[in-house]
Amino acid sequence: MSADPSASFSLPDEALGPFFATRDRQVAGQLLETITSDTVKPVAESIVKSRLGWNPNRRNPTDEDEELSDVAQDAIAAVIEKLWDAWENPETKAIQNLRAYTSRVAVSQCSGYLRRKHSGHWRATGRLEWIADKNIGFSIWDTDSGRVFGFNPWRETKAKPNTSKLSTLTRDPNLAVREAESAFGRIADSLPRNLELLMNWLEGPVGVNVLAKAVSTLLKLDPPERYIANQESDAQDPVDQDVDIHRSSEVREELRFLWTEIQELPVQQRLALLLNLRDHQGRGVIAFLPIAKIASISTIGRVLEMTTESLLELWPKLPLDDTSIAVLLGVHRDKIPGLRSTARQRLLRKSKKEEF
């Protein structure tokens, strides 16, 4: 939802005139409801139907229908958020053509959905980039044939992989792993250690796309449903009491999966879920992200669209109650449980389908 397809701005769309003219927030809200139902919702839904084949009138909706409904709702929410932002900041130039702007936002949401639908490769690429950024012996760099991943020294020596082994990795990642295990010992649970063994076996850097495909094929992680489901009940057990976050690769991987998926939620859902997410002892799960070296506080702030300073002020108070979150979002407290529930449902749907 953070994407903002830059529409042209000058004079406001005629349909938006009364909305921008009033300074009464309640009146503006009523006008925006009409604008949404008359223009934004029909346009956004039409785009999702035509581009993704959504059928909102299906008698027995499928899981995919529900996902596509989310795509349409995200587009609608993004346009509403932009309109409220323009209303609150009168100096902002108004949207020239509301229908065209809504169409561009909906197209952007559809494109994002298609990327996420094929998320194994996308997620694996993200993990490779994360490992390279951590400066733990690996790098990603550009070559004439595209981006490659390998040991840091290979960047200068211009090492080349063994072509026969590279062909094996591309054709059958599982066979490549068995051969690497035969040469260097059993592959460990740690992804960096996996990559170290594979790189030693390959003898040179490999294309990021090729390696990402192999990684997404090889890694089979349990989705972190225990972090997502039934957060309002006392039955959740997201972090076992005696688990050491530094030592448990399972917990780290679950947190990493959860963090990646939360970033794909609309920003209000991100805030409502993450700022309140607790383990069975009432501790805020958000605090585990820096401890597990999954995300720094500044990175968390960017994802929540908060400054690092603002997040640091909140940090000792986490997890927050619904009233505090409502104040942050500028909405009524009653809206927060719904935002959080919607976020959990979406994450659960995705985790049940997750193969990586």
Protein backbone atom coordinates (compact mmCIF):
# COMPACT_ATOMS: atom_id res chain seq x y z
CA MET A 1 0.00 0.00 0.00
CA SER A 2 2.98 2.26 0.32
CA ALA A 3 3.36 2.43 -3.46
CA ASP A 4 2.18 5.76 -4.85
CA PRO A 5 1.88 5.71 -8.64
CA SER A 6 2.67 9.36 -9.22
CA ALA A 7 -0.43 10.84 -10.79
CA SER A 8 -0.34 14.33 -12.27
CA PHE A 9 -1.49 16.97 -9.84
CA SER A 10 -2.92 20.43 -10.50
CA LEU A 11 -6.63 21.30 -10.31
CA PRO A 12 -8.72 18.80 -8.33
CA ASP A 13 -11.01 16.31 -9.98
CA GLU A 14 -14.50 17.82 -10.08
CA ALA A 15 -15.87 14.95 -7.97
CA LEU A 16 -13.44 15.91 -5.20
CA GLY A 17 -14.33 19.60 -5.06
CA PRO A 18 -16.80 19.50 -2.14
CA PHE A 19 -14.52 17.13 -0.21
CA PHE A 20 -11.57 19.50 -0.37
CA ALA A 21 -13.72 22.58 0.14
CA THR A 22 -15.05 21.63 3.58
CA ARG A 23 -12.90 21.91 6.72
CA ASP A 24 -15.34 19.88 8.80
CA ARG A 25 -13.80 16.42 9.23
CA GLN A 26 -17.14 14.69 9.80
CA VAL A 27 -18.61 16.21 6.65
CA ALA A 28 -15.42 15.35 4.76
CA GLY A 29 -15.72 11.75 5.96
CA GLN A 30 -19.29 11.50 4.72
CA LEU A 31 -18.30 12.94 1.34
CA LEU A 32 -15.37 10.55 1.11
CA GLU A 33 -17.67 7.59 1.74
CA THR A 34 -19.76 8.68 -1.24
CA ILE A 35 -16.65 9.23 -3.40
CA THR A 36 -15.41 5.78 -2.43
CA SER A 37 -18.66 3.97 -3.19
CA ASP A 38 -19.35 5.90 -6.42
CA THR A 39 -15.88 5.95 -7.96
CA VAL A 40 -12.95 4.44 -6.06
CA LYS A 41 -14.49 1.06 -5.19
CA PRO A 42 -16.01 0.33 -8.64
CA VAL A 43 -12.82 1.32 -10.47
CA ALA A 44 -10.50 -0.64 -8.17
CA GLU A 45 -12.68 -3.75 -8.28
CA SER A 46 -12.98 -3.53 -12.06
CA ILE A 47 -9.20 -3.48 -12.43
CA VAL A 48 -8.75 -6.50 -10.14
CA LYS A 49 -11.46 -8.40 -12.01
CA SER A 50 -9.97 -7.72 -15.43
CA ARG A 51 -6.32 -8.24 -14.50
CA LEU A 52 -6.54 -11.12 -12.05
CA GLY A 53 -9.83 -12.79 -12.98
CA TRP A 54 -11.50 -12.09 -9.64
CA ASN A 55 -15.13 -13.15 -9.30
CA PRO A 56 -16.54 -11.46 -6.16
CA ASN A 57 -19.98 -12.96 -6.79
CA ARG A 58 -18.92 -16.59 -6.68
CA ARG A 59 -21.40 -18.60 -4.60
CA ASN A 60 -18.62 -20.45 -2.77
CA PRO A 61 -15.60 -18.11 -2.68
CA THR A 62 -12.20 -19.76 -2.91
CA ASP A 63 -9.08 -18.79 -0.95
CA GLU A 64 -7.87 -17.01 -4.07
CA ASP A 65 -11.12 -15.01 -4.24
CA GLU A 66 -10.45 -13.83 -0.70
CA GLU A 67 -6.89 -12.87 -1.60
CA LEU A 68 -8.09 -10.92 -4.64
CA SER A 69 -10.68 -9.17 -2.47
CA ASP A 70 -7.75 -8.11 -0.29
CA VAL A 71 -5.99 -6.71 -3.37
CA ALA A 72 -9.01 -4.58 -4.21
CA GLN A 73 -9.39 -3.44 -0.60
CA ASP A 74 -5.71 -2.49 -0.46
CA ALA A 75 -6.11 -0.35 -3.56
CA ILE A 76 -9.20 1.34 -2.14
CA ALA A 77 -7.45 1.93 1.18
CA ALA A 78 -4.40 3.42 -0.57
CA VAL A 79 -6.54 5.93 -2.48
CA ILE A 80 -8.50 6.86 0.66
CA GLU A 81 -5.25 7.35 2.56
CA LYS A 82 -3.93 9.64 -0.19
CA LEU A 83 -7.16 11.66 -0.24
CA TRP A 84 -7.15 12.12 3.53
CA ASP A 85 -3.52 13.18 3.37
CA ALA A 86 -4.38 15.77 0.70
CA TRP A 87 -7.37 16.97 2.75
CA GLU A 88 -5.25 17.39 5.87
CA ASN A 89 -2.56 19.23 3.90
CA PRO A 90 -4.41 21.77 1.74
CA GLU A 91 -1.16 22.91 0.16
CA THR A 92 -0.89 19.50 -1.51
CA LYS A 93 -1.86 19.64 -5.17
CA ALA A 94 -5.06 17.74 -5.83
CA ILE A 95 -5.58 14.66 -7.99
CA GLN A 96 -6.52 15.71 -11.52
CA ASN A 97 -8.34 12.53 -12.48
CA LEU A 98 -9.61 10.34 -9.66
CA ARG A 99 -10.59 7.42 -11.90
CA ALA A 100 -7.19 7.37 -13.60
CA TYR A 101 -5.35 7.65 -10.29
CA THR A 102 -7.42 4.84 -8.75
CA SER A 103 -6.72 2.69 -11.81
CA ARG A 104 -2.97 3.20 -11.46
CA VAL A 105 -3.07 2.35 -7.76
CA ALA A 106 -5.11 -0.81 -8.48
CA VAL A 107 -2.74 -1.88 -11.27
CA SER A 108 0.16 -1.41 -8.87
CA GLN A 109 -1.57 -3.57 -6.25
CA CYS A 110 -2.26 -6.27 -8.86
CA SER A 111 1.40 -6.30 -9.87
CA GLY A 112 2.45 -6.61 -6.24
CA TYR A 113 0.05 -9.51 -5.75
CA LEU A 114 1.50 -11.38 -8.73
CA ARG A 115 5.01 -10.87 -7.38
CA ARG A 116 3.98 -12.19 -3.97
CA LYS A 117 2.10 -15.13 -5.47
CA HIS A 118 5.41 -16.35 -6.84
CA SER A 119 7.09 -15.42 -3.61
CA GLY A 120 9.39 -18.42 -3.19
CA HIS A 121 11.86 -16.99 -5.69
CA TRP A 122 11.23 -13.43 -4.49
CA ARG A 123 11.70 -14.37 -0.84
CA ALA A 124 14.84 -16.36 -1.56
CA THR A 125 16.29 -13.38 -3.41
CA GLY A 126 15.52 -11.21 -0.41
CA ARG A 127 17.32 -13.62 1.90
CA LEU A 128 20.39 -13.68 -0.32
CA GLU A 129 20.46 -9.87 -0.37
CA TRP A 130 20.04 -9.79 3.42
CA ILE A 131 22.96 -12.19 3.91
CA ALA A 132 25.13 -10.17 1.51
CA ASP A 133 24.26 -6.94 3.34
CA LYS A 134 25.31 -8.44 6.68
CA ASN A 135 28.93 -8.59 5.48
CA ILE A 136 29.53 -12.10 6.80
CA GLY A 137 31.76 -13.19 3.95
CA PHE A 138 29.34 -12.99 1.00
CA SER A 139 28.61 -10.29 -1.58
CA ILE A 140 26.30 -9.62 -4.50
CA TRP A 141 27.75 -7.71 -7.41
CA ASP A 142 27.02 -6.86 -11.03
CA THR A 143 28.73 -8.57 -13.94
CA ASP A 144 28.27 -8.47 -17.69
CA SER A 145 25.93 -11.46 -17.37
CA GLY A 146 23.91 -10.02 -14.46
CA ARG A 147 24.03 -10.02 -10.65
CA VAL A 148 25.97 -12.82 -8.99
CA PHE A 149 26.39 -14.10 -5.43
CA GLY A 150 29.61 -15.44 -3.97
CA PHE A 151 32.45 -15.08 -1.48
CA ASN A 152 33.80 -11.55 -1.08
CA PRO A 153 37.28 -12.29 -2.57
CA TRP A 154 35.73 -13.65 -5.76
CA ARG A 155 34.56 -10.15 -6.59
CA GLU A 156 38.17 -9.07 -7.15
CA THR A 157 39.61 -12.31 -8.50
CA LYS A 158 36.75 -12.67 -11.02
CA ALA A 159 36.47 -16.37 -10.19
CA LYS A 160 34.28 -18.55 -12.41
CA PRO A 161 32.11 -21.43 -11.20
CA ASN A 162 32.61 -25.00 -12.33
CA THR A 163 30.30 -25.15 -15.36
CA SER A 164 29.33 -28.77 -14.82
CA LYS A 165 28.40 -28.14 -11.17
CA LEU A 166 26.55 -24.95 -12.08
CA SER A 167 24.54 -26.94 -14.61
CA THR A 168 23.70 -29.49 -11.89
CA LEU A 169 22.58 -26.74 -9.49
CA THR A 170 20.38 -25.20 -12.19
CA ARG A 171 18.89 -28.51 -13.30
CA ASP A 172 18.51 -30.30 -9.96
CA PRO A 173 19.25 -28.33 -6.75
CA ASN A 174 18.67 -31.42 -4.60
CA LEU A 175 21.31 -33.37 -6.52
CA ALA A 176 23.70 -30.41 -6.17
CA VAL A 177 23.22 -30.44 -2.41
CA ARG A 178 23.86 -34.18 -2.22
CA GLU A 179 27.10 -33.76 -4.16
CA ALA A 180 28.14 -30.81 -1.96
CA GLU A 181 27.40 -32.89 1.14
CA SER A 182 29.48 -35.71 -0.27
CA ALA A 183 32.40 -33.34 -0.82
CA PHE A 184 32.20 -31.15 2.29
CA GLY A 185 30.02 -32.91 4.84
CA ARG A 186 26.35 -32.71 5.72
CA ILE A 187 24.56 -29.41 4.94
CA ALA A 188 23.80 -27.53 8.16
CA ASP A 189 20.49 -25.97 9.23
CA SER A 190 21.88 -22.45 8.86
CA LEU A 191 21.30 -20.82 5.47
CA PRO A 192 24.69 -18.97 5.53
CA ARG A 193 26.39 -22.31 6.27
CA ASN A 194 24.43 -23.93 3.43
CA LEU A 195 25.60 -21.20 1.10
CA GLU A 196 29.20 -21.52 2.27
CA LEU A 197 29.21 -25.22 1.43
CA LEU A 198 27.52 -24.66 -1.93
CA MET A 199 29.93 -21.88 -2.87
CA ASN A 200 32.92 -24.05 -1.99
CA TRP A 201 31.46 -26.83 -4.12
CA LEU A 202 30.68 -24.51 -7.05
CA GLU A 203 34.17 -22.93 -6.91
CA GLY A 204 32.88 -19.58 -8.14
CA PRO A 205 30.00 -17.08 -7.99
CA VAL A 206 26.57 -17.97 -9.28
CA GLY A 207 23.78 -15.83 -10.71
CA VAL A 208 21.40 -14.50 -8.07
CA ASN A 209 18.35 -15.74 -9.99
CA VAL A 210 19.79 -19.24 -10.36
CA LEU A 211 20.76 -19.42 -6.70
CA ALA A 212 17.44 -17.98 -5.53
CA LYS A 213 15.56 -20.65 -7.48
CA ALA A 214 17.72 -23.33 -5.89
CA VAL A 215 17.30 -21.91 -2.39
CA SER A 216 13.52 -21.63 -2.76
CA THR A 217 13.45 -25.27 -3.86
CA LEU A 218 15.65 -26.51 -1.04
CA LEU A 219 14.34 -24.64 1.98
CA LYS A 220 11.11 -25.99 3.44
CA LEU A 221 10.20 -23.89 6.46
CA ASP A 222 7.17 -24.37 8.71
CA PRO A 223 4.95 -21.25 8.51
CA PRO A 224 4.84 -19.33 11.80
CA GLU A 225 1.12 -19.81 12.42
CA ARG A 226 1.71 -19.81 16.17
CA TYR A 227 2.62 -16.12 15.96
CA ILE A 228 -0.46 -15.25 13.96
CA ALA A 229 -3.48 -17.20 15.16
CA ASN A 230 -5.67 -16.44 18.15
CA GLN A 231 -3.69 -13.50 19.48
CA GLU A 232 -6.70 -12.40 21.51
CA SER A 233 -6.82 -15.73 23.35
CA ASP A 234 -4.59 -16.93 26.16
CA ALA A 235 -3.74 -20.09 24.24
CA GLN A 236 -1.06 -18.71 21.94
CA ASP A 237 2.49 -19.89 22.42
CA PRO A 238 4.59 -17.93 19.93
CA VAL A 239 7.86 -18.33 21.80
CA ASP A 240 8.39 -21.29 24.09
CA GLN A 241 9.34 -20.12 27.55
CA ASP A 242 12.73 -21.79 27.53
CA VAL A 243 13.65 -21.00 23.92
CA ASP A 244 16.92 -19.10 23.49
CA ILE A 245 16.30 -16.73 20.60
CA HIS A 246 20.01 -16.66 19.77
CA ARG A 247 20.28 -20.44 19.49
CA SER A 248 16.95 -21.56 18.07
CA SER A 249 17.15 -21.50 14.27
CA GLU A 250 13.49 -22.57 14.16
CA VAL A 251 12.31 -19.51 16.08
CA ARG A 252 14.57 -17.23 14.03
CA GLU A 253 13.21 -18.58 10.78
CA GLU A 254 9.62 -18.22 12.00
CA LEU A 255 10.28 -14.63 13.01
CA ARG A 256 11.96 -13.92 9.69
CA PHE A 257 8.99 -15.36 7.80
CA LEU A 258 6.56 -13.36 9.93
CA TRP A 259 8.55 -10.15 9.48
CA THR A 260 8.67 -10.56 5.71
CA GLU A 261 4.92 -11.13 5.49
CA ILE A 262 4.05 -8.25 7.81
CA GLN A 263 5.87 -5.87 5.47
CA GLU A 264 3.36 -6.76 2.76
CA LEU A 265 0.36 -5.67 4.85
CA PRO A 266 -1.22 -2.21 4.57
CA VAL A 267 0.52 0.13 7.00
CA GLN A 268 -2.39 0.42 9.44
CA GLN A 269 -2.60 -3.37 9.70
CA ARG A 270 1.18 -3.55 10.20
CA LEU A 271 0.96 -1.15 13.11
CA ALA A 272 -2.13 -2.71 14.68
CA LEU A 273 -0.61 -6.19 14.59
CA LEU A 274 3.08 -5.66 15.26
CA LEU A 275 2.84 -3.05 18.03
CA ASN A 276 0.49 -5.34 19.97
CA LEU A 277 1.91 -8.79 19.10
CA ARG A 278 2.76 -10.70 22.30
CA ASP A 279 4.13 -14.06 23.34
CA HIS A 280 2.52 -16.22 26.05
CA GLN A 281 4.38 -14.26 28.73
CA GLY A 282 3.01 -10.95 27.48
CA ARG A 283 6.33 -9.83 25.99
CA GLY A 284 6.26 -7.86 22.76
CA VAL A 285 7.36 -10.03 19.84
CA ILE A 286 8.68 -6.92 18.07
CA ALA A 287 11.56 -6.79 20.56
CA PHE A 288 12.84 -10.16 19.31
CA LEU A 289 13.47 -8.83 15.78
CA PRO A 290 16.65 -6.89 16.63
CA ILE A 291 17.75 -9.58 19.12
CA ALA A 292 17.51 -12.24 16.39
CA LYS A 293 19.28 -9.88 13.95
CA ILE A 294 16.29 -9.98 11.61
CA ALA A 295 15.61 -6.23 11.54
CA SER A 296 17.18 -3.22 13.22
CA ILE A 297 15.08 -0.68 15.08
CA SER A 298 15.60 1.83 12.26
CA THR A 299 14.41 -0.77 9.71
CA ILE A 300 11.36 -1.55 11.82
CA GLY A 301 10.65 2.19 12.00
CA ARG A 302 10.78 2.51 8.21
CA VAL A 303 8.37 -0.41 7.76
CA LEU A 304 5.98 1.12 10.29
CA GLU A 305 6.47 4.52 8.64
CA MET A 306 7.79 5.99 11.88
CA THR A 307 11.03 7.83 12.59
CA THR A 308 13.63 5.93 14.59
CA GLU A 309 13.31 8.52 17.34
CA SER A 310 9.53 8.03 17.57
CA LEU A 311 9.90 4.26 17.73
CA LEU A 312 12.59 4.49 20.39
CA GLU A 313 10.23 6.57 22.52
CA LEU A 314 7.61 3.82 22.25
CA TRP A 315 10.03 0.91 22.67
CA PRO A 316 9.93 0.68 26.51
CA LYS A 317 6.10 0.73 26.39
CA LEU A 318 5.71 -2.13 23.89
CA PRO A 319 3.48 -4.01 23.37
CA LEU A 320 0.92 -1.21 23.15
CA ASP A 321 -2.75 -1.44 24.02
CA ASP A 322 -5.44 -0.64 21.47
CA THR A 323 -6.03 2.88 22.78
CA SER A 324 -2.38 3.83 22.30
CA ILE A 325 -2.32 2.35 18.80
CA ALA A 326 -5.52 4.20 17.92
CA VAL A 327 -3.92 7.48 19.00
CA LEU A 328 -0.92 6.77 16.76
CA LEU A 329 -3.16 6.03 13.78
CA GLY A 330 -5.61 8.84 14.46
CA VAL A 331 -8.58 6.47 14.42
CA HIS A 332 -11.21 5.33 16.94
CA ARG A 333 -10.07 2.60 19.32
CA ASP A 334 -12.84 0.25 18.11
CA LYS A 335 -11.17 0.05 14.70
CA ILE A 336 -7.93 -1.52 16.00
CA PRO A 337 -9.15 -5.09 16.74
CA GLY A 338 -10.63 -5.26 13.23
CA LEU A 339 -7.36 -4.15 11.63
CA ARG A 340 -5.45 -6.71 13.63
CA SER A 341 -7.94 -9.48 12.89
CA THR A 342 -7.81 -8.77 9.16
CA ALA A 343 -4.01 -8.83 9.28
CA ARG A 344 -3.95 -12.18 11.07
CA GLN A 345 -6.41 -13.74 8.63
CA ARG A 346 -4.34 -12.61 5.66
CA LEU A 347 -1.11 -13.90 7.18
CA LEU A 348 -2.70 -17.24 8.01
CA ARG A 349 -4.04 -17.65 4.48
CA LYS A 350 -0.59 -16.97 3.08
CA SER A 351 1.22 -19.17 5.60
CA LYS A 352 -1.00 -22.14 4.75
CA LYS A 353 0.02 -21.79 1.10
CA GLU A 354 3.67 -21.00 1.80
CA GLU A 355 6.05 -23.53 0.33
CA PHE A 356 9.26 -21.76 1.15
